[in-house]
Amino acid sequence: MNKNDMMAEIRDANLSYLMLAQQMIRSDKATAIFRLGISAEIADLLEGLNNAQILKLATSNMMLARFRFDDGAILGMLTNYHKDRELAHSHAAILMACQPVEDIA
């Protein structure tokens, strides 16, 4: 994959993420804040973006969504737990809910 292809993939991922995030926020803000791991302030900003702003933001050369599993235990629960998958996902959600939302400045 060359640099141009990679940048196009990043733009597509950003656009998909922003559109999904905005739809989730408009549908159920509290749940979206939890699932996206964002603050209420960021949720309000994303909710208010118009289509032109979303497209402009999506063309950034950086990924807008970040991998939020800084804890290997949470990632392990989601990927390697075989006994009770539902329980593992619930436990991981509880652990993630305890993590502070990082401010994006």
PDB file of N, CA and C in Angstrom:
ATOM      1  N   MET A   1       0.851  -1.170   0.000  1.00  0.00           N
ATOM      2  CA  MET A   1       0.000   0.000   0.000  1.00  0.00           C
ATOM      3  C   MET A   1       0.894   1.229   0.000  1.00  0.00           C
ATOM      4  N   ASN A   2       0.678   2.095  -0.960  1.00  0.00           N
ATOM      5  CA  ASN A   2       1.496   3.310  -1.013  1.00  0.00           C
ATOM      6  C   ASN A   2       0.892   4.409  -0.137  1.00  0.00           C
ATOM      7  N   LYS A   3       1.604   5.511  -0.016  1.00  0.00           N
ATOM      8  CA  LYS A   3       1.202   6.595   0.877  1.00  0.00           C
ATOM      9  C   LYS A   3      -0.151   7.181   0.490  1.00  0.00           C
ATOM     10  N   ASN A   4      -0.404   7.366  -0.799  1.00  0.00           N
ATOM     11  CA  ASN A   4      -1.678   7.925  -1.253  1.00  0.00           C
ATOM     12  C   ASN A   4      -2.846   7.009  -0.911  1.00  0.00           C
ATOM     13  N   ASP A   5      -2.637   5.704  -1.097  1.00  0.00           N
ATOM     14  CA  ASP A   5      -3.683   4.742  -0.753  1.00  0.00           C
ATOM     15  C   ASP A   5      -3.971   4.770   0.748  1.00  0.00           C
ATOM     16  N   MET A   6      -2.910   4.858   1.537  1.00  0.00           N
ATOM     17  CA  MET A   6      -3.074   4.889   2.983  1.00  0.00           C
ATOM     18  C   MET A   6      -3.829   6.145   3.418  1.00  0.00           C
ATOM     19  N   MET A   7      -3.502   7.275   2.833  1.00  0.00           N
ATOM     20  CA  MET A   7      -4.191   8.516   3.166  1.00  0.00           C
ATOM     21  C   MET A   7      -5.660   8.454   2.773  1.00  0.00           C
ATOM     22  N   ALA A   8      -5.951   7.835   1.644  1.00  0.00           N
ATOM     23  CA  ALA A   8      -7.342   7.673   1.219  1.00  0.00           C
ATOM     24  C   ALA A   8      -8.095   6.781   2.194  1.00  0.00           C
ATOM     25  N   GLU A   9      -7.455   5.728   2.679  1.00  0.00           N
ATOM     26  CA  GLU A   9      -8.076   4.834   3.660  1.00  0.00           C
ATOM     27  C   GLU A   9      -8.344   5.565   4.974  1.00  0.00           C
ATOM     28  N   ILE A  10      -7.404   6.402   5.393  1.00  0.00           N
ATOM     29  CA  ILE A  10      -7.594   7.194   6.618  1.00  0.00           C
ATOM     30  C   ILE A  10      -8.775   8.140   6.442  1.00  0.00           C
ATOM     31  N   ARG A  11      -8.852   8.814   5.313  1.00  0.00           N
ATOM     32  CA  ARG A  11      -9.975   9.731   5.061  1.00  0.00           C
ATOM     33  C   ARG A  11     -11.305   8.987   5.085  1.00  0.00           C
ATOM     34  N   ASP A  12     -11.349   7.812   4.464  1.00  0.00           N
ATOM     35  CA  ASP A  12     -12.584   7.021   4.456  1.00  0.00           C
ATOM     36  C   ASP A  12     -12.969   6.575   5.870  1.00  0.00           C
ATOM     37  N   ALA A  13     -11.978   6.136   6.640  1.00  0.00           N
ATOM     38  CA  ALA A  13     -12.247   5.709   8.021  1.00  0.00           C
ATOM     39  C   ALA A  13     -12.721   6.891   8.858  1.00  0.00           C
ATOM     40  N   ASN A  14     -12.081   8.047   8.682  1.00  0.00           N
ATOM     41  CA  ASN A  14     -12.494   9.244   9.417  1.00  0.00           C
ATOM     42  C   ASN A  14     -13.928   9.636   9.076  1.00  0.00           C
ATOM     43  N   LEU A  15     -14.256   9.628   7.803  1.00  0.00           N
ATOM     44  CA  LEU A  15     -15.599  10.008   7.376  1.00  0.00           C
ATOM     45  C   LEU A  15     -16.634   9.033   7.945  1.00  0.00           C
ATOM     46  N   SER A  16     -16.359   7.758   7.855  1.00  0.00           N
ATOM     47  CA  SER A  16     -17.281   6.763   8.405  1.00  0.00           C
ATOM     48  C   SER A  16     -17.452   6.940   9.910  1.00  0.00           C
ATOM     49  N   TYR A  17     -16.336   7.155  10.601  1.00  0.00           N
ATOM     50  CA  TYR A  17     -16.379   7.346  12.054  1.00  0.00           C
ATOM     51  C   TYR A  17     -17.194   8.581  12.422  1.00  0.00           C
ATOM     52  N   LEU A  18     -16.934   9.696  11.754  1.00  0.00           N
ATOM     53  CA  LEU A  18     -17.652  10.930  12.070  1.00  0.00           C
ATOM     54  C   LEU A  18     -19.144  10.813  11.798  1.00  0.00           C
ATOM     55  N   MET A  19     -19.501  10.188  10.687  1.00  0.00           N
ATOM     56  CA  MET A  19     -20.916  10.027  10.364  1.00  0.00           C
ATOM     57  C   MET A  19     -21.612   9.112  11.371  1.00  0.00           C
ATOM     58  N   LEU A  20     -20.957   8.009  11.722  1.00  0.00           N
ATOM     59  CA  LEU A  20     -21.519   7.097  12.708  1.00  0.00           C
ATOM     60  C   LEU A  20     -21.626   7.772  14.074  1.00  0.00           C
ATOM     61  N   ALA A  21     -20.571   8.470  14.486  1.00  0.00           N
ATOM     62  CA  ALA A  21     -20.580   9.143  15.784  1.00  0.00           C
ATOM     63  C   ALA A  21     -21.711  10.164  15.855  1.00  0.00           C
ATOM     64  N   GLN A  22     -21.871  10.940  14.808  1.00  0.00           N
ATOM     65  CA  GLN A  22     -22.923  11.956  14.801  1.00  0.00           C
ATOM     66  C   GLN A  22     -24.307  11.310  14.867  1.00  0.00           C
ATOM     67  N   GLN A  23     -24.493  10.226  14.139  1.00  0.00           N
ATOM     68  CA  GLN A  23     -25.775   9.513  14.160  1.00  0.00           C
ATOM     69  C   GLN A  23     -26.043   8.935  15.555  1.00  0.00           C
ATOM     70  N   MET A  24     -25.023   8.344  16.166  1.00  0.00           N
ATOM     71  CA  MET A  24     -25.176   7.781  17.508  1.00  0.00           C
ATOM     72  C   MET A  24     -25.520   8.875  18.520  1.00  0.00           C
ATOM     73  N   ILE A  25     -24.847  10.007  18.442  1.00  0.00           N
ATOM     74  CA  ILE A  25     -25.069  11.115  19.369  1.00  0.00           C
ATOM     75  C   ILE A  25     -26.481  11.651  19.216  1.00  0.00           C
ATOM     76  N   ARG A  26     -26.936  11.799  18.010  1.00  0.00           N
ATOM     77  CA  ARG A  26     -28.282  12.322  17.772  1.00  0.00           C
ATOM     78  C   ARG A  26     -29.359  11.336  18.217  1.00  0.00           C
ATOM     79  N   SER A  27     -29.040  10.060  18.167  1.00  0.00           N
ATOM     80  CA  SER A  27     -30.001   9.032  18.558  1.00  0.00           C
ATOM     81  C   SER A  27     -30.098   8.876  20.074  1.00  0.00           C
ATOM     82  N   ASP A  28     -28.950   8.781  20.751  1.00  0.00           N
ATOM     83  CA  ASP A  28     -28.921   8.582  22.212  1.00  0.00           C
ATOM     84  C   ASP A  28     -27.576   9.082  22.719  1.00  0.00           C
ATOM     85  N   LYS A  29     -27.555  10.344  23.144  1.00  0.00           N
ATOM     86  CA  LYS A  29     -26.293  11.012  23.481  1.00  0.00           C
ATOM     87  C   LYS A  29     -25.546  10.309  24.611  1.00  0.00           C
ATOM     88  N   ALA A  30     -26.245   9.919  25.671  1.00  0.00           N
ATOM     89  CA  ALA A  30     -25.569   9.295  26.818  1.00  0.00           C
ATOM     90  C   ALA A  30     -24.890   7.989  26.422  1.00  0.00           C
ATOM     91  N   THR A  31     -25.584   7.167  25.677  1.00  0.00           N
ATOM     92  CA  THR A  31     -25.014   5.892  25.230  1.00  0.00           C
ATOM     93  C   THR A  31     -23.857   6.140  24.261  1.00  0.00           C
ATOM     94  N   ALA A  32     -24.003   7.113  23.380  1.00  0.00           N
ATOM     95  CA  ALA A  32     -22.936   7.424  22.416  1.00  0.00           C
ATOM     96  C   ALA A  32     -21.679   7.891  23.138  1.00  0.00           C
ATOM     97  N   ILE A  33     -21.845   8.718  24.155  1.00  0.00           N
ATOM     98  CA  ILE A  33     -20.688   9.198  24.919  1.00  0.00           C
ATOM     99  C   ILE A  33     -19.942   8.015  25.516  1.00  0.00           C
ATOM    100  N   PHE A  34     -20.678   7.064  26.077  1.00  0.00           N
ATOM    101  CA  PHE A  34     -20.046   5.883  26.665  1.00  0.00           C
ATOM    102  C   PHE A  34     -19.372   5.024  25.593  1.00  0.00           C
ATOM    103  N   ARG A  35     -20.098   4.708  24.535  1.00  0.00           N
ATOM    104  CA  ARG A  35     -19.552   3.805  23.507  1.00  0.00           C
ATOM    105  C   ARG A  35     -18.398   4.412  22.732  1.00  0.00           C
ATOM    106  N   LEU A  36     -18.441   5.704  22.510  1.00  0.00           N
ATOM    107  CA  LEU A  36     -17.366   6.365  21.771  1.00  0.00           C
ATOM    108  C   LEU A  36     -16.199   6.753  22.673  1.00  0.00           C
ATOM    109  N   GLY A  37     -16.435   6.799  23.975  1.00  0.00           N
ATOM    110  CA  GLY A  37     -15.376   7.180  24.907  1.00  0.00           C
ATOM    111  C   GLY A  37     -14.998   8.646  24.787  1.00  0.00           C
ATOM    112  N   ILE A  38     -16.002   9.492  24.574  1.00  0.00           N
ATOM    113  CA  ILE A  38     -15.759  10.923  24.413  1.00  0.00           C
ATOM    114  C   ILE A  38     -16.454  11.693  25.529  1.00  0.00           C
ATOM    115  N   SER A  39     -16.081  12.944  25.675  1.00  0.00           N
ATOM    116  CA  SER A  39     -16.719  13.796  26.681  1.00  0.00           C
ATOM    117  C   SER A  39     -18.021  14.373  26.117  1.00  0.00           C
ATOM    118  N   ALA A  40     -18.844  14.905  27.003  1.00  0.00           N
ATOM    119  CA  ALA A  40     -20.091  15.544  26.583  1.00  0.00           C
ATOM    120  C   ALA A  40     -19.798  16.758  25.703  1.00  0.00           C
ATOM    121  N   GLU A  41     -18.714  17.459  26.005  1.00  0.00           N
ATOM    122  CA  GLU A  41     -18.335  18.630  25.209  1.00  0.00           C
ATOM    123  C   GLU A  41     -18.013  18.229  23.766  1.00  0.00           C
ATOM    124  N   ILE A  42     -17.245  17.171  23.599  1.00  0.00           N
ATOM    125  CA  ILE A  42     -16.907  16.690  22.248  1.00  0.00           C
ATOM    126  C   ILE A  42     -18.165  16.185  21.552  1.00  0.00           C
ATOM    127  N   ALA A  43     -19.038  15.513  22.296  1.00  0.00           N
ATOM    128  CA  ALA A  43     -20.292  15.023  21.714  1.00  0.00           C
ATOM    129  C   ALA A  43     -21.122  16.192  21.184  1.00  0.00           C
ATOM    130  N   ASP A  44     -21.202  17.263  21.951  1.00  0.00           N
ATOM    131  CA  ASP A  44     -21.948  18.436  21.505  1.00  0.00           C
ATOM    132  C   ASP A  44     -21.332  19.038  20.244  1.00  0.00           C
ATOM    133  N   LEU A  45     -20.007  19.099  20.204  1.00  0.00           N
ATOM    134  CA  LEU A  45     -19.329  19.634  19.016  1.00  0.00           C
ATOM    135  C   LEU A  45     -19.591  18.762  17.793  1.00  0.00           C
ATOM    136  N   LEU A  46     -19.473  17.451  17.955  1.00  0.00           N
ATOM    137  CA  LEU A  46     -19.715  16.539  16.828  1.00  0.00           C
ATOM    138  C   LEU A  46     -21.159  16.617  16.356  1.00  0.00           C
ATOM    139  N   GLU A  47     -22.073  16.726  17.300  1.00  0.00           N
ATOM    140  CA  GLU A  47     -23.494  16.790  16.956  1.00  0.00           C
ATOM    141  C   GLU A  47     -23.806  18.015  16.102  1.00  0.00           C
ATOM    142  N   GLY A  48     -23.110  19.113  16.352  1.00  0.00           N
ATOM    143  CA  GLY A  48     -23.387  20.353  15.652  1.00  0.00           C
ATOM    144  C   GLY A  48     -22.678  20.543  14.326  1.00  0.00           C
ATOM    145  N   LEU A  49     -21.814  19.595  13.945  1.00  0.00           N
ATOM    146  CA  LEU A  49     -21.092  19.740  12.677  1.00  0.00           C
ATOM    147  C   LEU A  49     -22.026  19.603  11.480  1.00  0.00           C
ATOM    148  N   ASN A  50     -21.838  20.470  10.483  1.00  0.00           N
ATOM    149  CA  ASN A  50     -22.599  20.304   9.245  1.00  0.00           C
ATOM    150  C   ASN A  50     -21.796  19.404   8.297  1.00  0.00           C
ATOM    151  N   ASN A  51     -22.383  19.068   7.164  1.00  0.00           N
ATOM    152  CA  ASN A  51     -21.731  18.139   6.228  1.00  0.00           C
ATOM    153  C   ASN A  51     -20.381  18.646   5.728  1.00  0.00           C
ATOM    154  N   ALA A  52     -20.285  19.927   5.449  1.00  0.00           N
ATOM    155  CA  ALA A  52     -19.018  20.489   4.964  1.00  0.00           C
ATOM    156  C   ALA A  52     -17.934  20.380   6.046  1.00  0.00           C
ATOM    157  N   GLN A  53     -18.301  20.630   7.288  1.00  0.00           N
ATOM    158  CA  GLN A  53     -17.341  20.529   8.382  1.00  0.00           C
ATOM    159  C   GLN A  53     -16.895  19.088   8.591  1.00  0.00           C
ATOM    160  N   ILE A  54     -17.825  18.148   8.465  1.00  0.00           N
ATOM    161  CA  ILE A  54     -17.479  16.730   8.602  1.00  0.00           C
ATOM    162  C   ILE A  54     -16.496  16.325   7.504  1.00  0.00           C
ATOM    163  N   LEU A  55     -16.772  16.729   6.274  1.00  0.00           N
ATOM    164  CA  LEU A  55     -15.868  16.395   5.164  1.00  0.00           C
ATOM    165  C   LEU A  55     -14.492  17.011   5.372  1.00  0.00           C
ATOM    166  N   LYS A  56     -14.446  18.258   5.830  1.00  0.00           N
ATOM    167  CA  LYS A  56     -13.169  18.919   6.058  1.00  0.00           C
ATOM    168  C   LYS A  56     -12.389  18.211   7.162  1.00  0.00           C
ATOM    169  N   LEU A  57     -13.063  17.856   8.243  1.00  0.00           N
ATOM    170  CA  LEU A  57     -12.413  17.160   9.349  1.00  0.00           C
ATOM    171  C   LEU A  57     -11.946  15.767   8.928  1.00  0.00           C
ATOM    172  N   ALA A  58     -12.730  15.092   8.100  1.00  0.00           N
ATOM    173  CA  ALA A  58     -12.388  13.742   7.650  1.00  0.00           C
ATOM    174  C   ALA A  58     -11.127  13.718   6.797  1.00  0.00           C
ATOM    175  N   THR A  59     -10.818  14.824   6.140  1.00  0.00           N
ATOM    176  CA  THR A  59      -9.646  14.846   5.257  1.00  0.00           C
ATOM    177  C   THR A  59      -8.347  15.080   6.013  1.00  0.00           C
ATOM    178  N   SER A  60      -8.425  15.117   7.329  1.00  0.00           N
ATOM    179  CA  SER A  60      -7.217  15.244   8.136  1.00  0.00           C
ATOM    180  C   SER A  60      -6.287  14.078   7.834  1.00  0.00           C
ATOM    181  N   ASN A  61      -4.991  14.291   7.977  1.00  0.00           N
ATOM    182  CA  ASN A  61      -4.046  13.204   7.714  1.00  0.00           C
ATOM    183  C   ASN A  61      -3.806  12.352   8.957  1.00  0.00           C
ATOM    184  N   MET A  62      -4.645  12.540   9.980  1.00  0.00           N
ATOM    185  CA  MET A  62      -4.545  11.744  11.215  1.00  0.00           C
ATOM    186  C   MET A  62      -5.836  10.972  11.424  1.00  0.00           C
ATOM    187  N   MET A  63      -5.714   9.805  12.018  1.00  0.00           N
ATOM    188  CA  MET A  63      -6.902   9.041  12.390  1.00  0.00           C
ATOM    189  C   MET A  63      -7.614   9.782  13.508  1.00  0.00           C
ATOM    190  N   LEU A  64      -8.910   9.972  13.380  1.00  0.00           N
ATOM    191  CA  LEU A  64      -9.679  10.675  14.400  1.00  0.00           C
ATOM    192  C   LEU A  64     -10.127   9.743  15.519  1.00  0.00           C
ATOM    193  N   ALA A  65     -10.378   8.506  15.180  1.00  0.00           N
ATOM    194  CA  ALA A  65     -10.736   7.524  16.205  1.00  0.00           C
ATOM    195  C   ALA A  65      -9.449   6.921  16.732  1.00  0.00           C
ATOM    196  N   ARG A  66      -9.402   6.711  18.032  1.00  0.00           N
ATOM    197  CA  ARG A  66      -8.184   6.113  18.580  1.00  0.00           C
ATOM    198  C   ARG A  66      -8.533   4.792  19.253  1.00  0.00           C
ATOM    199  N   PHE A  67      -7.572   3.920  19.282  1.00  0.00           N
ATOM    200  CA  PHE A  67      -7.719   2.626  19.937  1.00  0.00           C
ATOM    201  C   PHE A  67      -7.773   2.884  21.429  1.00  0.00           C
ATOM    202  N   ARG A  68      -8.879   2.551  22.085  1.00  0.00           N
ATOM    203  CA  ARG A  68      -9.054   2.960  23.469  1.00  0.00           C
ATOM    204  C   ARG A  68      -8.752   1.885  24.494  1.00  0.00           C
ATOM    205  N   PHE A  69      -8.215   0.763  24.088  1.00  0.00           N
ATOM    206  CA  PHE A  69      -7.888  -0.293  25.029  1.00  0.00           C
ATOM    207  C   PHE A  69      -6.430  -0.189  25.435  1.00  0.00           C
ATOM    208  N   ASP A  70      -6.149   0.719  26.360  1.00  0.00           N
ATOM    209  CA  ASP A  70      -4.792   0.861  26.865  1.00  0.00           C
ATOM    210  C   ASP A  70      -4.454  -0.238  27.859  1.00  0.00           C
ATOM    211  N   ASP A  71      -5.476  -0.901  28.341  1.00  0.00           N
ATOM    212  CA  ASP A  71      -5.306  -1.954  29.334  1.00  0.00           C
ATOM    213  C   ASP A  71      -5.375  -3.306  28.620  1.00  0.00           C
ATOM    214  N   GLY A  72      -4.292  -4.069  28.687  1.00  0.00           N
ATOM    215  CA  GLY A  72      -4.248  -5.375  28.027  1.00  0.00           C
ATOM    216  C   GLY A  72      -5.305  -6.336  28.550  1.00  0.00           C
ATOM    217  N   ALA A  73      -5.705  -6.181  29.814  1.00  0.00           N
ATOM    218  CA  ALA A  73      -6.720  -7.069  30.389  1.00  0.00           C
ATOM    219  C   ALA A  73      -8.060  -6.892  29.680  1.00  0.00           C
ATOM    220  N   ILE A  74      -8.411  -5.647  29.381  1.00  0.00           N
ATOM    221  CA  ILE A  74      -9.682  -5.391  28.692  1.00  0.00           C
ATOM    222  C   ILE A  74      -9.642  -5.977  27.291  1.00  0.00           C
ATOM    223  N   LEU A  75      -8.572  -5.749  26.580  1.00  0.00           N
ATOM    224  CA  LEU A  75      -8.446  -6.297  25.231  1.00  0.00           C
ATOM    225  C   LEU A  75      -8.483  -7.817  25.269  1.00  0.00           C
ATOM    226  N   GLY A  76      -7.815  -8.413  26.245  1.00  0.00           N
ATOM    227  CA  GLY A  76      -7.831  -9.859  26.385  1.00  0.00           C
ATOM    228  C   GLY A  76      -9.223 -10.396  26.642  1.00  0.00           C
ATOM    229  N   MET A  77      -9.985  -9.693  27.473  1.00  0.00           N
ATOM    230  CA  MET A  77     -11.360 -10.133  27.752  1.00  0.00           C
ATOM    231  C   MET A  77     -12.210 -10.130  26.494  1.00  0.00           C
ATOM    232  N   LEU A  78     -12.016  -9.135  25.667  1.00  0.00           N
ATOM    233  CA  LEU A  78     -12.832  -9.015  24.464  1.00  0.00           C
ATOM    234  C   LEU A  78     -12.417  -9.975  23.362  1.00  0.00           C
ATOM    235  N   THR A  79     -11.160 -10.421  23.390  1.00  0.00           N
ATOM    236  CA  THR A  79     -10.685 -11.261  22.288  1.00  0.00           C
ATOM    237  C   THR A  79     -10.432 -12.716  22.642  1.00  0.00           C
ATOM    238  N   ASN A  80     -10.103 -13.020  23.895  1.00  0.00           N
ATOM    239  CA  ASN A  80      -9.672 -14.369  24.224  1.00  0.00           C
ATOM    240  C   ASN A  80     -10.533 -15.116  25.227  1.00  0.00           C
ATOM    241  N   TYR A  81     -11.571 -14.496  25.742  1.00  0.00           N
ATOM    242  CA  TYR A  81     -12.374 -15.143  26.771  1.00  0.00           C
ATOM    243  C   TYR A  81     -13.339 -16.105  26.107  1.00  0.00           C
ATOM    244  N   HIS A  82     -13.299 -17.398  26.500  1.00  0.00           N
ATOM    245  CA  HIS A  82     -14.081 -18.417  25.798  1.00  0.00           C
ATOM    246  C   HIS A  82     -15.264 -18.957  26.594  1.00  0.00           C
ATOM    247  N   LYS A  83     -15.243 -18.858  27.913  1.00  0.00           N
ATOM    248  CA  LYS A  83     -16.295 -19.492  28.714  1.00  0.00           C
ATOM    249  C   LYS A  83     -17.634 -18.797  28.557  1.00  0.00           C
ATOM    250  N   ASP A  84     -17.737 -17.557  28.908  1.00  0.00           N
ATOM    251  CA  ASP A  84     -18.992 -16.819  28.848  1.00  0.00           C
ATOM    252  C   ASP A  84     -18.748 -15.475  28.187  1.00  0.00           C
ATOM    253  N   ARG A  85     -18.939 -15.449  26.898  1.00  0.00           N
ATOM    254  CA  ARG A  85     -18.627 -14.261  26.100  1.00  0.00           C
ATOM    255  C   ARG A  85     -19.416 -13.039  26.569  1.00  0.00           C
ATOM    256  N   GLU A  86     -20.707 -13.212  26.854  1.00  0.00           N
ATOM    257  CA  GLU A  86     -21.543 -12.095  27.299  1.00  0.00           C
ATOM    258  C   GLU A  86     -21.011 -11.515  28.601  1.00  0.00           C
ATOM    259  N   LEU A  87     -20.627 -12.376  29.525  1.00  0.00           N
ATOM    260  CA  LEU A  87     -20.104 -11.925  30.806  1.00  0.00           C
ATOM    261  C   LEU A  87     -18.780 -11.176  30.615  1.00  0.00           C
ATOM    262  N   ALA A  88     -17.935 -11.669  29.737  1.00  0.00           N
ATOM    263  CA  ALA A  88     -16.660 -11.013  29.469  1.00  0.00           C
ATOM    264  C   ALA A  88     -16.878  -9.622  28.880  1.00  0.00           C
ATOM    265  N   HIS A  89     -17.837  -9.492  27.964  1.00  0.00           N
ATOM    266  CA  HIS A  89     -18.116  -8.193  27.364  1.00  0.00           C
ATOM    267  C   HIS A  89     -18.699  -7.236  28.402  1.00  0.00           C
ATOM    268  N   SER A  90     -19.556  -7.736  29.277  1.00  0.00           N
ATOM    269  CA  SER A  90     -20.117  -6.899  30.338  1.00  0.00           C
ATOM    270  C   SER A  90     -19.023  -6.437  31.291  1.00  0.00           C
ATOM    271  N   HIS A  91     -18.143  -7.350  31.649  1.00  0.00           N
ATOM    272  CA  HIS A  91     -17.041  -7.012  32.549  1.00  0.00           C
ATOM    273  C   HIS A  91     -16.131  -5.968  31.900  1.00  0.00           C
ATOM    274  N   ALA A  92     -15.829  -6.127  30.634  1.00  0.00           N
ATOM    275  CA  ALA A  92     -14.993  -5.161  29.922  1.00  0.00           C
ATOM    276  C   ALA A  92     -15.682  -3.795  29.871  1.00  0.00           C
ATOM    277  N   ALA A  93     -17.005  -3.780  29.649  1.00  0.00           N
ATOM    278  CA  ALA A  93     -17.743  -2.514  29.611  1.00  0.00           C
ATOM    279  C   ALA A  93     -17.690  -1.812  30.959  1.00  0.00           C
ATOM    280  N   ILE A  94     -17.785  -2.581  32.039  1.00  0.00           N
ATOM    281  CA  ILE A  94     -17.691  -2.002  33.384  1.00  0.00           C
ATOM    282  C   ILE A  94     -16.313  -1.400  33.600  1.00  0.00           C
ATOM    283  N   LEU A  95     -15.272  -2.119  33.217  1.00  0.00           N
ATOM    284  CA  LEU A  95     -13.913  -1.607  33.373  1.00  0.00           C
ATOM    285  C   LEU A  95     -13.689  -0.349  32.541  1.00  0.00           C
ATOM    286  N   MET A  96     -14.219  -0.320  31.312  1.00  0.00           N
ATOM    287  CA  MET A  96     -14.051   0.858  30.455  1.00  0.00           C
ATOM    288  C   MET A  96     -14.829   2.045  31.009  1.00  0.00           C
ATOM    289  N   ALA A  97     -15.987   1.770  31.624  1.00  0.00           N
ATOM    290  CA  ALA A  97     -16.790   2.865  32.188  1.00  0.00           C
ATOM    291  C   ALA A  97     -16.060   3.540  33.344  1.00  0.00           C
ATOM    292  N   CYS A  98     -15.178   2.827  33.989  1.00  0.00           N
ATOM    293  CA  CYS A  98     -14.417   3.383  35.109  1.00  0.00           C
ATOM    294  C   CYS A  98     -13.249   4.236  34.647  1.00  0.00           C
ATOM    295  N   GLN A  99     -12.879   4.133  33.384  1.00  0.00           N
ATOM    296  CA  GLN A  99     -11.749   4.902  32.870  1.00  0.00           C
ATOM    297  C   GLN A  99     -12.188   6.332  32.596  1.00  0.00           C
ATOM    298  N   PRO A 100     -11.351   7.301  32.928  1.00  0.00           N
ATOM    299  CA  PRO A 100     -11.734   8.699  32.674  1.00  0.00           C
ATOM    300  C   PRO A 100     -11.708   9.013  31.182  1.00  0.00           C
ATOM    301  N   VAL A 101     -12.611   9.887  30.786  1.00  0.00           N
ATOM    302  CA  VAL A 101     -12.631  10.355  29.400  1.00  0.00           C
ATOM    303  C   VAL A 101     -11.523  11.380  29.259  1.00  0.00           C
ATOM    304  N   GLU A 102     -10.695  11.205  28.242  1.00  0.00           N
ATOM    305  CA  GLU A 102      -9.587  12.133  28.020  1.00  0.00           C
ATOM    306  C   GLU A 102     -10.110  13.381  27.320  1.00  0.00           C
ATOM    307  N   ASP A 103      -9.620  14.517  27.743  1.00  0.00           N
ATOM    308  CA  ASP A 103      -9.985  15.766  27.099  1.00  0.00           C
ATOM    309  C   ASP A 103      -9.218  15.886  25.794  1.00  0.00           C
ATOM    310  N   ILE A 104      -9.914  16.229  24.741  1.00  0.00           N
ATOM    311  CA  ILE A 104      -9.282  16.445  23.444  1.00  0.00           C
ATOM    312  C   ILE A 104      -9.216  17.945  23.235  1.00  0.00           C
ATOM    313  N   ALA A 105      -8.025  18.439  23.181  1.00  0.00           N
ATOM    314  CA  ALA A 105      -7.885  19.903  23.037  1.00  0.00           C
ATOM    315  C   ALA A 105      -7.286  20.238  21.702  1.00  0.00           C
TER     316      ALA A 105
END
